[in-house]
Amino acid sequence: MAADSSKPLARLVWLDPYSGDTRERALREGDSISIGRSADNDIQLPEAHISRVHAIIACQEGGFTIDDVGSANGSFVNGNQIYGKHALNIGDEVHLFVSALKLLGADDMAEDAALLVSKVAGDRASLRIVRGPQAGQVFALLKDEMYVGRSMPNTNWEIALQDPTVSRPHAFMVREDARWKLFDLGSINGTAVNGEPIIGGKAKWLEDGDRITFGGTLAQFGIGFPNSADTEPTG
């Protein structure tokens, strides 16, 4: 008897980069699911460092593959960069810059999946946008050096802000001895921490909960990556 092609064989689970909510997509025999920044993908991840079409995850003859389709910043499976088509197994973690997905069995619990996915960035500091065009979006500070700047074609800031009041580049963040400090890079509209401007090329050490303004965008610095929208700050 032929297998039921409508029955899900696995699920992809990820955290929405804006809300932090858990999302999932069933994988059935014959599926080919595109993932990328563009809205016409099957799974849209609107992150500046994700390509318009970044990767394709497919299910064929009961097996799973991921194909990096020439993305600018690469695709990673369990921390290892892949090139072209690569096999996927149940339990594998797929990492596309700050966005992470988990391949689970069809009957695995979504709540457990959310915890597994969040571990990819859970020990990293983060910036949650509180006010501005990207309000609600969370950036994981995955590198020890992070540039902040206005989102423009062909720019490569780690934190790209879609705000015309933000300079290109605007600010620089660096991790030293498990702490983060912030520099303003001579931006036109300035950088401030808890209302205090950073001036004269001096650095400001950051503490958990600090509120940072980059031009007209307000962000909150956090130690650790929030697991859900319930942690969103107010004000």
C-alpha atoms as a PDB file:
ATOM      1  CA  MET A   1       0.000   0.000   0.000  1.00  0.00           C
ATOM      2  CA  ALA A   2       1.347   3.455  -0.908  1.00  0.00           C
ATOM      3  CA  ALA A   3       2.266   5.792   1.905  1.00  0.00           C
ATOM      4  CA  ASP A   4      -0.155   8.594   2.718  1.00  0.00           C
ATOM      5  CA  SER A   5       1.587  11.632   1.169  1.00  0.00           C
ATOM      6  CA  SER A   6      -0.685  14.014   3.109  1.00  0.00           C
ATOM      7  CA  LYS A   7       0.580  12.830   6.500  1.00  0.00           C
ATOM      8  CA  PRO A   8       3.330  15.072   7.946  1.00  0.00           C
ATOM      9  CA  LEU A   9       6.662  13.260   8.251  1.00  0.00           C
ATOM     10  CA  ALA A  10       8.386  16.030  10.227  1.00  0.00           C
ATOM     11  CA  ARG A  11       8.069  19.661  11.259  1.00  0.00           C
ATOM     12  CA  LEU A  12      10.278  22.721  11.030  1.00  0.00           C
ATOM     13  CA  VAL A  13      10.045  24.894  14.147  1.00  0.00           C
ATOM     14  CA  TRP A  14      11.564  28.351  14.575  1.00  0.00           C
ATOM     15  CA  LEU A  15      11.233  31.550  16.606  1.00  0.00           C
ATOM     16  CA  ASP A  16       9.711  34.525  14.827  1.00  0.00           C
ATOM     17  CA  PRO A  17      12.487  37.183  14.630  1.00  0.00           C
ATOM     18  CA  TYR A  18      10.038  40.000  15.452  1.00  0.00           C
ATOM     19  CA  SER A  19       7.746  38.604  18.134  1.00  0.00           C
ATOM     20  CA  GLY A  20       9.780  35.715  19.534  1.00  0.00           C
ATOM     21  CA  ASP A  21       6.702  33.480  19.081  1.00  0.00           C
ATOM     22  CA  THR A  22       7.127  29.839  18.034  1.00  0.00           C
ATOM     23  CA  ARG A  23       6.274  29.102  14.397  1.00  0.00           C
ATOM     24  CA  GLU A  24       6.115  25.735  12.684  1.00  0.00           C
ATOM     25  CA  ARG A  25       5.657  24.242   9.225  1.00  0.00           C
ATOM     26  CA  ALA A  26       4.765  20.626   8.487  1.00  0.00           C
ATOM     27  CA  LEU A  27       6.939  18.658   6.041  1.00  0.00           C
ATOM     28  CA  ARG A  28       5.210  16.101   3.827  1.00  0.00           C
ATOM     29  CA  GLU A  29       6.470  13.767   1.153  1.00  0.00           C
ATOM     30  CA  GLY A  30       7.360  15.780  -1.963  1.00  0.00           C
ATOM     31  CA  ASP A  31       7.538  19.168  -0.191  1.00  0.00           C
ATOM     32  CA  SER A  32      10.149  21.715  -1.227  1.00  0.00           C
ATOM     33  CA  ILE A  33      10.096  24.708   1.132  1.00  0.00           C
ATOM     34  CA  SER A  34      11.974  27.896   0.331  1.00  0.00           C
ATOM     35  CA  ILE A  35      13.340  30.057   3.169  1.00  0.00           C
ATOM     36  CA  GLY A  36      14.502  33.648   2.769  1.00  0.00           C
ATOM     37  CA  ARG A  37      14.027  37.348   3.357  1.00  0.00           C
ATOM     38  CA  SER A  38      11.548  37.888   0.515  1.00  0.00           C
ATOM     39  CA  ALA A  39       7.826  37.659   1.264  1.00  0.00           C
ATOM     40  CA  ASP A  40       7.241  35.166  -1.560  1.00  0.00           C
ATOM     41  CA  ASN A  41       9.171  32.404   0.259  1.00  0.00           C
ATOM     42  CA  ASP A  42       7.303  29.586   2.000  1.00  0.00           C
ATOM     43  CA  ILE A  43       9.044  30.669   5.222  1.00  0.00           C
ATOM     44  CA  GLN A  44       9.901  34.357   5.401  1.00  0.00           C
ATOM     45  CA  LEU A  45      12.657  35.410   7.805  1.00  0.00           C
ATOM     46  CA  PRO A  46      12.900  39.203   7.376  1.00  0.00           C
ATOM     47  CA  GLU A  47      16.469  39.569   8.655  1.00  0.00           C
ATOM     48  CA  ALA A  48      18.931  41.876   6.886  1.00  0.00           C
ATOM     49  CA  HIS A  49      21.642  39.190   6.669  1.00  0.00           C
ATOM     50  CA  ILE A  50      19.383  36.530   5.168  1.00  0.00           C
ATOM     51  CA  SER A  51      19.321  36.407   1.371  1.00  0.00           C
ATOM     52  CA  ARG A  52      16.137  36.959  -0.620  1.00  0.00           C
ATOM     53  CA  VAL A  53      16.056  33.205  -1.230  1.00  0.00           C
ATOM     54  CA  HIS A  54      18.510  31.663   1.221  1.00  0.00           C
ATOM     55  CA  ALA A  55      17.896  27.906   1.344  1.00  0.00           C
ATOM     56  CA  ILE A  56      15.452  25.170   0.347  1.00  0.00           C
ATOM     57  CA  ILE A  57      14.446  22.296   2.639  1.00  0.00           C
ATOM     58  CA  ALA A  58      12.908  19.301   0.893  1.00  0.00           C
ATOM     59  CA  CYS A  59      11.348  15.949   1.735  1.00  0.00           C
ATOM     60  CA  GLN A  60      11.857  13.237  -0.899  1.00  0.00           C
ATOM     61  CA  GLU A  61      11.275   9.502  -0.482  1.00  0.00           C
ATOM     62  CA  GLY A  62      11.038   9.909   3.282  1.00  0.00           C
ATOM     63  CA  GLY A  63      14.385  11.712   3.609  1.00  0.00           C
ATOM     64  CA  PHE A  64      15.186  15.371   4.225  1.00  0.00           C
ATOM     65  CA  THR A  65      17.713  17.724   2.637  1.00  0.00           C
ATOM     66  CA  ILE A  66      18.703  21.366   2.849  1.00  0.00           C
ATOM     67  CA  ASP A  67      20.136  23.203  -0.147  1.00  0.00           C
ATOM     68  CA  ASP A  68      21.968  26.505   0.353  1.00  0.00           C
ATOM     69  CA  VAL A  69      21.174  28.292  -2.901  1.00  0.00           C
ATOM     70  CA  GLY A  70      24.120  30.680  -2.970  1.00  0.00           C
ATOM     71  CA  SER A  71      23.222  32.734   0.108  1.00  0.00           C
ATOM     72  CA  ALA A  72      25.496  35.665   0.973  1.00  0.00           C
ATOM     73  CA  ASN A  73      26.112  34.659   4.609  1.00  0.00           C
ATOM     74  CA  GLY A  74      25.786  30.895   4.508  1.00  0.00           C
ATOM     75  CA  SER A  75      23.685  28.118   6.011  1.00  0.00           C
ATOM     76  CA  PHE A  76      24.792  25.975   8.957  1.00  0.00           C
ATOM     77  CA  VAL A  77      23.667  22.565  10.208  1.00  0.00           C
ATOM     78  CA  ASN A  78      24.547  21.789  13.823  1.00  0.00           C
ATOM     79  CA  GLY A  79      27.110  24.601  13.702  1.00  0.00           C
ATOM     80  CA  ASN A  80      28.859  23.465  10.509  1.00  0.00           C
ATOM     81  CA  GLN A  81      28.556  25.464   7.289  1.00  0.00           C
ATOM     82  CA  ILE A  82      27.118  23.543   4.351  1.00  0.00           C
ATOM     83  CA  TYR A  83      27.624  24.100   0.645  1.00  0.00           C
ATOM     84  CA  GLY A  84      24.947  23.106  -1.831  1.00  0.00           C
ATOM     85  CA  LYS A  85      22.678  20.196  -0.888  1.00  0.00           C
ATOM     86  CA  HIS A  86      23.129  18.478   2.475  1.00  0.00           C
ATOM     87  CA  ALA A  87      21.213  15.745   4.314  1.00  0.00           C
ATOM     88  CA  LEU A  88      19.048  16.664   7.301  1.00  0.00           C
ATOM     89  CA  ASN A  89      18.105  14.367  10.162  1.00  0.00           C
ATOM     90  CA  ILE A  90      15.434  14.627  12.831  1.00  0.00           C
ATOM     91  CA  GLY A  91      16.851  16.777  15.646  1.00  0.00           C
ATOM     92  CA  ASP A  92      19.195  18.796  13.433  1.00  0.00           C
ATOM     93  CA  GLU A  93      19.491  22.552  13.990  1.00  0.00           C
ATOM     94  CA  VAL A  94      19.609  24.835  10.949  1.00  0.00           C
ATOM     95  CA  HIS A  95      21.185  28.234  11.533  1.00  0.00           C
ATOM     96  CA  LEU A  96      20.783  31.128   9.071  1.00  0.00           C
ATOM     97  CA  PHE A  97      22.751  33.976  10.679  1.00  0.00           C
ATOM     98  CA  VAL A  98      20.587  35.000  13.693  1.00  0.00           C
ATOM     99  CA  SER A  99      17.601  32.844  12.708  1.00  0.00           C
ATOM    100  CA  ALA A 100      17.518  29.190  13.744  1.00  0.00           C
ATOM    101  CA  LEU A 101      15.186  26.346  12.794  1.00  0.00           C
ATOM    102  CA  LYS A 102      14.847  22.850  14.244  1.00  0.00           C
ATOM    103  CA  LEU A 103      13.796  19.717  12.320  1.00  0.00           C
ATOM    104  CA  LEU A 104      11.531  17.623  14.548  1.00  0.00           C
ATOM    105  CA  GLY A 105       9.566  14.449  14.232  1.00  0.00           C
ATOM    106  CA  ALA A 106       5.908  14.936  13.374  1.00  0.00           C
ATOM    107  CA  ASP A 107       4.788  14.057  16.911  1.00  0.00           C
ATOM    108  CA  ASP A 108       7.374  16.002  18.935  1.00  0.00           C
ATOM    109  CA  MET A 109       6.017  18.709  21.216  1.00  0.00           C
ATOM    110  CA  ALA A 110       6.229  22.293  19.927  1.00  0.00           C
ATOM    111  CA  GLU A 111       6.965  23.588  23.431  1.00  0.00           C
ATOM    112  CA  ASP A 112      10.093  21.434  23.648  1.00  0.00           C
ATOM    113  CA  ALA A 113      11.063  22.555  20.149  1.00  0.00           C
ATOM    114  CA  ALA A 114      10.926  26.220  21.127  1.00  0.00           C
ATOM    115  CA  LEU A 115      13.348  25.592  23.980  1.00  0.00           C
ATOM    116  CA  LEU A 116      15.718  23.681  21.723  1.00  0.00           C
ATOM    117  CA  VAL A 117      15.691  26.405  19.082  1.00  0.00           C
ATOM    118  CA  SER A 118      16.219  29.187  21.595  1.00  0.00           C
ATOM    119  CA  LYS A 119      19.404  27.497  22.855  1.00  0.00           C
ATOM    120  CA  VAL A 120      21.145  28.544  19.637  1.00  0.00           C
ATOM    121  CA  ALA A 121      21.156  32.145  20.837  1.00  0.00           C
ATOM    122  CA  GLY A 122      20.167  31.692  24.470  1.00  0.00           C
ATOM    123  CA  ASP A 123      23.589  32.467  25.951  1.00  0.00           C
ATOM    124  CA  ARG A 124      24.081  35.569  23.831  1.00  0.00           C
ATOM    125  CA  ALA A 125      23.228  39.142  24.636  1.00  0.00           C
ATOM    126  CA  SER A 126      20.511  40.786  22.576  1.00  0.00           C
ATOM    127  CA  LEU A 127      18.984  44.046  21.434  1.00  0.00           C
ATOM    128  CA  ARG A 128      15.192  44.290  21.261  1.00  0.00           C
ATOM    129  CA  ILE A 129      13.845  47.202  19.247  1.00  0.00           C
ATOM    130  CA  VAL A 130      11.321  49.026  21.427  1.00  0.00           C
ATOM    131  CA  ARG A 131      10.512  52.006  19.214  1.00  0.00           C
ATOM    132  CA  GLY A 132      11.139  52.552  15.518  1.00  0.00           C
ATOM    133  CA  PRO A 133      10.310  50.914  12.159  1.00  0.00           C
ATOM    134  CA  GLN A 134      11.400  47.469  13.430  1.00  0.00           C
ATOM    135  CA  ALA A 135       9.688  47.604  16.841  1.00  0.00           C
ATOM    136  CA  GLY A 136       9.539  44.120  18.348  1.00  0.00           C
ATOM    137  CA  GLN A 137      12.469  42.704  16.400  1.00  0.00           C
ATOM    138  CA  VAL A 138      15.232  41.055  18.433  1.00  0.00           C
ATOM    139  CA  PHE A 139      18.873  40.948  17.332  1.00  0.00           C
ATOM    140  CA  ALA A 140      21.115  38.323  18.920  1.00  0.00           C
ATOM    141  CA  LEU A 141      24.670  39.568  19.454  1.00  0.00           C
ATOM    142  CA  LEU A 142      26.265  36.492  17.898  1.00  0.00           C
ATOM    143  CA  LYS A 143      29.664  38.023  17.166  1.00  0.00           C
ATOM    144  CA  ASP A 144      32.110  39.678  19.563  1.00  0.00           C
ATOM    145  CA  GLU A 145      32.103  42.790  17.367  1.00  0.00           C
ATOM    146  CA  MET A 146      28.835  44.207  15.973  1.00  0.00           C
ATOM    147  CA  TYR A 147      28.295  47.270  13.796  1.00  0.00           C
ATOM    148  CA  VAL A 148      24.994  49.158  13.890  1.00  0.00           C
ATOM    149  CA  GLY A 149      23.955  51.173  10.844  1.00  0.00           C
ATOM    150  CA  ARG A 150      21.178  52.203   8.496  1.00  0.00           C
ATOM    151  CA  SER A 151      19.872  49.414   6.287  1.00  0.00           C
ATOM    152  CA  MET A 152      20.882  50.146   2.687  1.00  0.00           C
ATOM    153  CA  PRO A 153      21.543  48.015  -0.412  1.00  0.00           C
ATOM    154  CA  ASN A 154      24.955  46.321  -0.206  1.00  0.00           C
ATOM    155  CA  THR A 155      25.601  47.312   3.421  1.00  0.00           C
ATOM    156  CA  ASN A 156      26.803  44.595   5.776  1.00  0.00           C
ATOM    157  CA  TRP A 157      26.127  45.876   9.285  1.00  0.00           C
ATOM    158  CA  GLU A 158      25.418  43.090  11.756  1.00  0.00           C
ATOM    159  CA  ILE A 159      22.495  45.197  13.063  1.00  0.00           C
ATOM    160  CA  ALA A 160      20.813  46.918  10.119  1.00  0.00           C
ATOM    161  CA  LEU A 161      18.127  49.434  11.129  1.00  0.00           C
ATOM    162  CA  GLN A 162      15.479  50.583   8.672  1.00  0.00           C
ATOM    163  CA  ASP A 163      15.461  54.112  10.055  1.00  0.00           C
ATOM    164  CA  PRO A 164      16.501  57.191   8.027  1.00  0.00           C
ATOM    165  CA  THR A 165      17.698  58.928  11.229  1.00  0.00           C
ATOM    166  CA  VAL A 166      20.361  56.233  11.694  1.00  0.00           C
ATOM    167  CA  SER A 167      23.761  56.884  10.105  1.00  0.00           C
ATOM    168  CA  ARG A 168      25.774  54.451   7.972  1.00  0.00           C
ATOM    169  CA  PRO A 169      27.548  53.301  10.044  1.00  0.00           C
ATOM    170  CA  HIS A 170      26.149  54.582  13.326  1.00  0.00           C
ATOM    171  CA  ALA A 171      27.649  52.707  16.276  1.00  0.00           C
ATOM    172  CA  PHE A 172      29.943  49.845  17.229  1.00  0.00           C
ATOM    173  CA  MET A 173      29.499  47.199  19.946  1.00  0.00           C
ATOM    174  CA  VAL A 174      32.304  45.005  21.255  1.00  0.00           C
ATOM    175  CA  ARG A 175      32.370  42.189  23.808  1.00  0.00           C
ATOM    176  CA  GLU A 176      35.259  42.187  26.283  1.00  0.00           C
ATOM    177  CA  ASP A 177      35.575  39.895  29.314  1.00  0.00           C
ATOM    178  CA  ALA A 178      31.921  38.793  29.039  1.00  0.00           C
ATOM    179  CA  ARG A 179      30.711  42.421  29.021  1.00  0.00           C
ATOM    180  CA  TRP A 180      29.599  44.656  26.161  1.00  0.00           C
ATOM    181  CA  LYS A 181      30.593  48.242  25.484  1.00  0.00           C
ATOM    182  CA  LEU A 182      29.177  50.664  22.943  1.00  0.00           C
ATOM    183  CA  PHE A 183      30.822  53.371  20.822  1.00  0.00           C
ATOM    184  CA  ASP A 184      29.218  56.075  18.690  1.00  0.00           C
ATOM    185  CA  LEU A 185      30.896  56.370  15.283  1.00  0.00           C
ATOM    186  CA  GLY A 186      30.320  60.073  14.762  1.00  0.00           C
ATOM    187  CA  SER A 187      26.681  59.589  13.843  1.00  0.00           C
ATOM    188  CA  ILE A 188      24.619  62.610  12.802  1.00  0.00           C
ATOM    189  CA  ASN A 189      21.776  62.062  15.293  1.00  0.00           C
ATOM    190  CA  GLY A 190      23.797  60.502  18.079  1.00  0.00           C
ATOM    191  CA  THR A 191      23.783  57.444  20.325  1.00  0.00           C
ATOM    192  CA  ALA A 192      22.636  57.578  23.944  1.00  0.00           C
ATOM    193  CA  VAL A 193      22.351  55.080  26.803  1.00  0.00           C
ATOM    194  CA  ASN A 194      19.515  55.721  29.281  1.00  0.00           C
ATOM    195  CA  GLY A 195      19.271  59.248  27.910  1.00  0.00           C
ATOM    196  CA  GLU A 196      22.994  60.020  28.310  1.00  0.00           C
ATOM    197  CA  PRO A 197      24.726  60.755  24.969  1.00  0.00           C
ATOM    198  CA  ILE A 198      27.967  58.980  24.091  1.00  0.00           C
ATOM    199  CA  ILE A 199      30.388  61.712  23.071  1.00  0.00           C
ATOM    200  CA  GLY A 200      34.053  62.295  22.361  1.00  0.00           C
ATOM    201  CA  GLY A 201      34.771  58.774  21.118  1.00  0.00           C
ATOM    202  CA  LYS A 202      34.311  57.368  24.627  1.00  0.00           C
ATOM    203  CA  ALA A 203      32.782  53.955  25.200  1.00  0.00           C
ATOM    204  CA  LYS A 204      29.809  53.140  27.427  1.00  0.00           C
ATOM    205  CA  TRP A 205      29.728  49.797  29.252  1.00  0.00           C
ATOM    206  CA  LEU A 206      26.272  48.216  28.986  1.00  0.00           C
ATOM    207  CA  GLU A 207      24.167  46.686  31.747  1.00  0.00           C
ATOM    208  CA  ASP A 208      21.162  44.389  31.467  1.00  0.00           C
ATOM    209  CA  GLY A 209      18.065  46.473  30.700  1.00  0.00           C
ATOM    210  CA  ASP A 210      19.906  49.547  29.390  1.00  0.00           C
ATOM    211  CA  ARG A 211      17.876  51.534  26.857  1.00  0.00           C
ATOM    212  CA  ILE A 212      19.847  52.696  23.846  1.00  0.00           C
ATOM    213  CA  THR A 213      18.824  55.249  21.230  1.00  0.00           C
ATOM    214  CA  PHE A 214      20.329  55.104  17.755  1.00  0.00           C
ATOM    215  CA  GLY A 215      18.963  58.268  16.149  1.00  0.00           C
ATOM    216  CA  GLY A 216      15.179  57.827  16.411  1.00  0.00           C
ATOM    217  CA  THR A 217      15.279  54.089  17.155  1.00  0.00           C
ATOM    218  CA  LEU A 218      15.061  52.926  20.770  1.00  0.00           C
ATOM    219  CA  ALA A 219      16.432  49.507  21.734  1.00  0.00           C
ATOM    220  CA  GLN A 220      16.804  47.607  24.991  1.00  0.00           C
ATOM    221  CA  PHE A 221      19.982  45.677  25.763  1.00  0.00           C
ATOM    222  CA  GLY A 222      19.577  42.324  27.451  1.00  0.00           C
ATOM    223  CA  ILE A 223      21.859  39.640  28.877  1.00  0.00           C
ATOM    224  CA  GLY A 224      20.560  36.551  27.094  1.00  0.00           C
ATOM    225  CA  PHE A 225      18.159  36.080  24.208  1.00  0.00           C
ATOM    226  CA  PRO A 226      14.432  36.361  25.083  1.00  0.00           C
ATOM    227  CA  ASN A 227      12.458  33.174  24.422  1.00  0.00           C
ATOM    228  CA  SER A 228       9.049  34.727  23.867  1.00  0.00           C
ATOM    229  CA  ALA A 229       7.165  37.949  23.341  1.00  0.00           C
ATOM    230  CA  ASP A 230       6.229  37.828  27.053  1.00  0.00           C
ATOM    231  CA  THR A 231       9.636  39.359  27.829  1.00  0.00           C
ATOM    232  CA  GLU A 232       9.038  42.411  25.649  1.00  0.00           C
ATOM    233  CA  PRO A 233       9.768  45.629  27.548  1.00  0.00           C
ATOM    234  CA  THR A 234       7.167  48.317  27.931  1.00  0.00           C
ATOM    235  CA  GLY A 235       7.411  52.029  27.276  1.00  0.00           C
END
